[in-house]
């Protein structure tokens, strides 16, 4: 998809589409935050065990 096609698709979004995208964005943000927290915890545990 080109930038122009993406822009046109964004322009054509309705209120229902926008609300759905916002709900999905909240879920994706929460999932990513959980992943980052788990990854950071794993790094801290590994550094404690291995002295790295």
PDB file of N, CA and C in Angstrom:
ATOM      1  N   UNK A   1       0.854  -1.173   0.000  1.00  0.00           N
ATOM      2  CA  UNK A   1       0.000   0.000   0.000  1.00  0.00           C
ATOM      3  C   UNK A   1       0.901   1.237   0.000  1.00  0.00           C
ATOM      4  N   UNK A   2       0.613   2.151  -0.893  1.00  0.00           N
ATOM      5  CA  UNK A   2       1.403   3.379  -0.979  1.00  0.00           C
ATOM      6  C   UNK A   2       0.954   4.368   0.094  1.00  0.00           C
ATOM      7  N   UNK A   3       1.748   5.391   0.292  1.00  0.00           N
ATOM      8  CA  UNK A   3       1.402   6.447   1.247  1.00  0.00           C
ATOM      9  C   UNK A   3       0.094   7.112   0.842  1.00  0.00           C
ATOM     10  N   UNK A   4      -0.098   7.333  -0.441  1.00  0.00           N
ATOM     11  CA  UNK A   4      -1.330   7.968  -0.913  1.00  0.00           C
ATOM     12  C   UNK A   4      -2.538   7.086  -0.627  1.00  0.00           C
ATOM     13  N   UNK A   5      -2.407   5.785  -0.852  1.00  0.00           N
ATOM     14  CA  UNK A   5      -3.514   4.861  -0.570  1.00  0.00           C
ATOM     15  C   UNK A   5      -3.808   4.821   0.922  1.00  0.00           C
ATOM     16  N   UNK A   6      -2.769   4.814   1.731  1.00  0.00           N
ATOM     17  CA  UNK A   6      -2.948   4.804   3.178  1.00  0.00           C
ATOM     18  C   UNK A   6      -3.640   6.081   3.648  1.00  0.00           C
ATOM     19  N   UNK A   7      -3.229   7.218   3.109  1.00  0.00           N
ATOM     20  CA  UNK A   7      -3.854   8.493   3.465  1.00  0.00           C
ATOM     21  C   UNK A   7      -5.321   8.507   3.061  1.00  0.00           C
ATOM     22  N   UNK A   8      -5.631   8.015   1.876  1.00  0.00           N
ATOM     23  CA  UNK A   8      -7.021   7.985   1.419  1.00  0.00           C
ATOM     24  C   UNK A   8      -7.855   7.077   2.312  1.00  0.00           C
ATOM     25  N   UNK A   9      -7.315   5.943   2.700  1.00  0.00           N
ATOM     26  CA  UNK A   9      -8.040   5.033   3.591  1.00  0.00           C
ATOM     27  C   UNK A   9      -8.290   5.696   4.939  1.00  0.00           C
ATOM     28  N   UNK A  10      -7.315   6.441   5.440  1.00  0.00           N
ATOM     29  CA  UNK A  10      -7.479   7.128   6.722  1.00  0.00           C
ATOM     30  C   UNK A  10      -8.548   8.208   6.628  1.00  0.00           C
ATOM     31  N   UNK A  11      -8.588   8.920   5.515  1.00  0.00           N
ATOM     32  CA  UNK A  11      -9.586   9.969   5.314  1.00  0.00           C
ATOM     33  C   UNK A  11     -10.986   9.369   5.295  1.00  0.00           C
ATOM     34  N   UNK A  12     -11.128   8.173   4.761  1.00  0.00           N
ATOM     35  CA  UNK A  12     -12.437   7.541   4.618  1.00  0.00           C
ATOM     36  C   UNK A  12     -12.926   6.860   5.893  1.00  0.00           C
ATOM     37  N   UNK A  13     -12.117   6.844   6.946  1.00  0.00           N
ATOM     38  CA  UNK A  13     -12.547   6.207   8.184  1.00  0.00           C
ATOM     39  C   UNK A  13     -13.713   6.973   8.796  1.00  0.00           C
ATOM     40  N   UNK A  14     -14.705   6.226   9.262  1.00  0.00           N
ATOM     41  CA  UNK A  14     -15.827   6.833   9.949  1.00  0.00           C
ATOM     42  C   UNK A  14     -15.611   6.813  11.453  1.00  0.00           C
ATOM     43  N   UNK A  15     -16.570   7.361  12.186  1.00  0.00           N
ATOM     44  CA  UNK A  15     -16.467   7.424  13.644  1.00  0.00           C
ATOM     45  C   UNK A  15     -16.396   6.026  14.250  1.00  0.00           C
ATOM     46  N   UNK A  16     -17.164   5.082  13.708  1.00  0.00           N
ATOM     47  CA  UNK A  16     -17.134   3.713  14.228  1.00  0.00           C
ATOM     48  C   UNK A  16     -15.772   3.069  13.995  1.00  0.00           C
ATOM     49  N   UNK A  17     -15.204   3.311  12.819  1.00  0.00           N
ATOM     50  CA  UNK A  17     -13.878   2.774  12.510  1.00  0.00           C
ATOM     51  C   UNK A  17     -12.832   3.344  13.460  1.00  0.00           C
ATOM     52  N   UNK A  18     -12.903   4.646  13.670  1.00  0.00           N
ATOM     53  CA  UNK A  18     -11.937   5.312  14.541  1.00  0.00           C
ATOM     54  C   UNK A  18     -12.046   4.783  15.964  1.00  0.00           C
ATOM     55  N   UNK A  19     -13.260   4.602  16.458  1.00  0.00           N
ATOM     56  CA  UNK A  19     -13.455   4.081  17.810  1.00  0.00           C
ATOM     57  C   UNK A  19     -12.893   2.670  17.930  1.00  0.00           C
ATOM     58  N   UNK A  20     -13.106   1.850  16.919  1.00  0.00           N
ATOM     59  CA  UNK A  20     -12.582   0.485  16.941  1.00  0.00           C
ATOM     60  C   UNK A  20     -11.056   0.499  16.941  1.00  0.00           C
ATOM     61  N   UNK A  21     -10.455   1.349  16.119  1.00  0.00           N
ATOM     62  CA  UNK A  21      -8.998   1.446  16.089  1.00  0.00           C
ATOM     63  C   UNK A  21      -8.445   1.909  17.430  1.00  0.00           C
ATOM     64  N   UNK A  22      -9.129   2.843  18.071  1.00  0.00           N
ATOM     65  CA  UNK A  22      -8.677   3.322  19.379  1.00  0.00           C
ATOM     66  C   UNK A  22      -8.753   2.213  20.421  1.00  0.00           C
ATOM     67  N   UNK A  23      -9.800   1.390  20.369  1.00  0.00           N
ATOM     68  CA  UNK A  23      -9.908   0.259  21.313  1.00  0.00           C
ATOM     69  C   UNK A  23      -8.780  -0.735  21.084  1.00  0.00           C
ATOM     70  N   UNK A  24      -8.487  -1.042  19.830  1.00  0.00           N
ATOM     71  CA  UNK A  24      -7.392  -1.968  19.528  1.00  0.00           C
ATOM     72  C   UNK A  24      -6.048  -1.386  19.945  1.00  0.00           C
ATOM     73  N   UNK A  25      -5.873  -0.083  19.774  1.00  0.00           N
ATOM     74  CA  UNK A  25      -4.612   0.559  20.159  1.00  0.00           C
ATOM     75  C   UNK A  25      -4.388   0.439  21.662  1.00  0.00           C
ATOM     76  N   UNK A  26      -5.448   0.581  22.441  1.00  0.00           N
ATOM     77  CA  UNK A  26      -5.328   0.438  23.895  1.00  0.00           C
ATOM     78  C   UNK A  26      -4.886  -0.981  24.241  1.00  0.00           C
ATOM     79  N   UNK A  27      -5.480  -1.974  23.584  1.00  0.00           N
ATOM     80  CA  UNK A  27      -5.097  -3.367  23.836  1.00  0.00           C
ATOM     81  C   UNK A  27      -3.652  -3.631  23.425  1.00  0.00           C
ATOM     82  N   UNK A  28      -3.259  -3.119  22.276  1.00  0.00           N
ATOM     83  CA  UNK A  28      -1.884  -3.319  21.812  1.00  0.00           C
ATOM     84  C   UNK A  28      -0.885  -2.642  22.740  1.00  0.00           C
ATOM     85  N   UNK A  29      -1.220  -1.440  23.199  1.00  0.00           N
ATOM     86  CA  UNK A  29      -0.329  -0.737  24.127  1.00  0.00           C
ATOM     87  C   UNK A  29      -0.172  -1.522  25.422  1.00  0.00           C
ATOM     88  N   UNK A  30      -1.272  -2.055  25.941  1.00  0.00           N
ATOM     89  CA  UNK A  30      -1.217  -2.829  27.182  1.00  0.00           C
ATOM     90  C   UNK A  30      -0.405  -4.107  26.988  1.00  0.00           C
ATOM     91  N   UNK A  31      -0.591  -4.772  25.861  1.00  0.00           N
ATOM     92  CA  UNK A  31       0.162  -5.997  25.589  1.00  0.00           C
ATOM     93  C   UNK A  31       1.650  -5.698  25.469  1.00  0.00           C
ATOM     94  N   UNK A  32       1.999  -4.612  24.782  1.00  0.00           N
ATOM     95  CA  UNK A  32       3.408  -4.251  24.629  1.00  0.00           C
ATOM     96  C   UNK A  32       4.017  -3.874  25.975  1.00  0.00           C
ATOM     97  N   UNK A  33       3.269  -3.132  26.780  1.00  0.00           N
ATOM     98  CA  UNK A  33       3.765  -2.756  28.107  1.00  0.00           C
ATOM     99  C   UNK A  33       4.018  -3.997  28.959  1.00  0.00           C
ATOM    100  N   UNK A  34       3.120  -4.972  28.887  1.00  0.00           N
ATOM    101  CA  UNK A  34       3.316  -6.222  29.613  1.00  0.00           C
ATOM    102  C   UNK A  34       4.554  -6.956  29.138  1.00  0.00           C
ATOM    103  N   UNK A  35       4.764  -6.985  27.826  1.00  0.00           N
ATOM    104  CA  UNK A  35       5.945  -7.640  27.264  1.00  0.00           C
ATOM    105  C   UNK A  35       7.218  -6.957  27.750  1.00  0.00           C
ATOM    106  N   UNK A  36       7.236  -5.631  27.710  1.00  0.00           N
ATOM    107  CA  UNK A  36       8.422  -4.883  28.133  1.00  0.00           C
ATOM    108  C   UNK A  36       8.703  -5.127  29.609  1.00  0.00           C
ATOM    109  N   UNK A  37       7.672  -5.114  30.428  1.00  0.00           N
ATOM    110  CA  UNK A  37       7.863  -5.361  31.861  1.00  0.00           C
ATOM    111  C   UNK A  37       8.411  -6.759  32.107  1.00  0.00           C
ATOM    112  N   UNK A  38       7.853  -7.751  31.426  1.00  0.00           N
ATOM    113  CA  UNK A  38       8.337  -9.127  31.583  1.00  0.00           C
ATOM    114  C   UNK A  38       9.779  -9.256  31.115  1.00  0.00           C
ATOM    115  N   UNK A  39      10.103  -8.605  30.009  1.00  0.00           N
ATOM    116  CA  UNK A  39      11.465  -8.654  29.467  1.00  0.00           C
ATOM    117  C   UNK A  39      12.448  -7.999  30.439  1.00  0.00           C
ATOM    118  N   UNK A  40      12.066  -6.852  30.975  1.00  0.00           N
ATOM    119  CA  UNK A  40      12.938  -6.161  31.931  1.00  0.00           C
ATOM    120  C   UNK A  40      13.147  -7.007  33.178  1.00  0.00           C
ATOM    121  N   UNK A  41      12.095  -7.649  33.653  1.00  0.00           N
ATOM    122  CA  UNK A  41      12.223  -8.517  34.825  1.00  0.00           C
ATOM    123  C   UNK A  41      13.151  -9.683  34.532  1.00  0.00           C
ATOM    124  N   UNK A  42      13.022 -10.270  33.361  1.00  0.00           N
ATOM    125  CA  UNK A  42      13.884 -11.398  32.988  1.00  0.00           C
ATOM    126  C   UNK A  42      15.340 -10.957  32.918  1.00  0.00           C
ATOM    127  N   UNK A  43      15.589  -9.775  32.385  1.00  0.00           N
ATOM    128  CA  UNK A  43      16.962  -9.275  32.322  1.00  0.00           C
ATOM    129  C   UNK A  43      17.541  -9.076  33.714  1.00  0.00           C
ATOM    130  N   UNK A  44      16.749  -8.544  34.612  1.00  0.00           N
ATOM    131  CA  UNK A  44      17.230  -8.295  35.968  1.00  0.00           C
ATOM    132  C   UNK A  44      17.545  -9.610  36.674  1.00  0.00           C
ATOM    133  N   UNK A  45      16.702 -10.610  36.474  1.00  0.00           N
ATOM    134  CA  UNK A  45      16.936 -11.919  37.089  1.00  0.00           C
ATOM    135  C   UNK A  45      18.202 -12.530  36.509  1.00  0.00           C
ATOM    136  N   UNK A  46      18.364 -12.449  35.201  1.00  0.00           N
ATOM    137  CA  UNK A  46      19.525 -13.031  34.543  1.00  0.00           C
ATOM    138  C   UNK A  46      20.806 -12.342  35.015  1.00  0.00           C
ATOM    139  N   UNK A  47      20.770 -11.026  35.132  1.00  0.00           N
ATOM    140  CA  UNK A  47      21.952 -10.303  35.593  1.00  0.00           C
ATOM    141  C   UNK A  47      22.285 -10.684  37.028  1.00  0.00           C
ATOM    142  N   UNK A  48      21.278 -10.899  37.839  1.00  0.00           N
ATOM    143  CA  UNK A  48      21.525 -11.289  39.225  1.00  0.00           C
ATOM    144  C   UNK A  48      22.172 -12.662  39.296  1.00  0.00           C
ATOM    145  N   UNK A  49      21.692 -13.575  38.471  1.00  0.00           N
ATOM    146  CA  UNK A  49      22.207 -14.948  38.511  1.00  0.00           C
ATOM    147  C   UNK A  49      23.600 -15.058  37.904  1.00  0.00           C
ATOM    148  N   UNK A  50      23.810 -14.343  36.812  1.00  0.00           N
ATOM    149  CA  UNK A  50      25.030 -14.533  36.037  1.00  0.00           C
ATOM    150  C   UNK A  50      26.034 -13.404  36.198  1.00  0.00           C
ATOM    151  N   UNK A  51      25.680 -12.399  36.968  1.00  0.00           N
ATOM    152  CA  UNK A  51      26.595 -11.297  37.201  1.00  0.00           C
ATOM    153  C   UNK A  51      26.861 -10.427  35.993  1.00  0.00           C
ATOM    154  N   UNK A  52      26.009 -10.532  34.966  1.00  0.00           N
ATOM    155  CA  UNK A  52      26.223  -9.751  33.744  1.00  0.00           C
ATOM    156  C   UNK A  52      25.635  -8.446  33.857  1.00  0.00           C
TER     157      UNK A  52
END
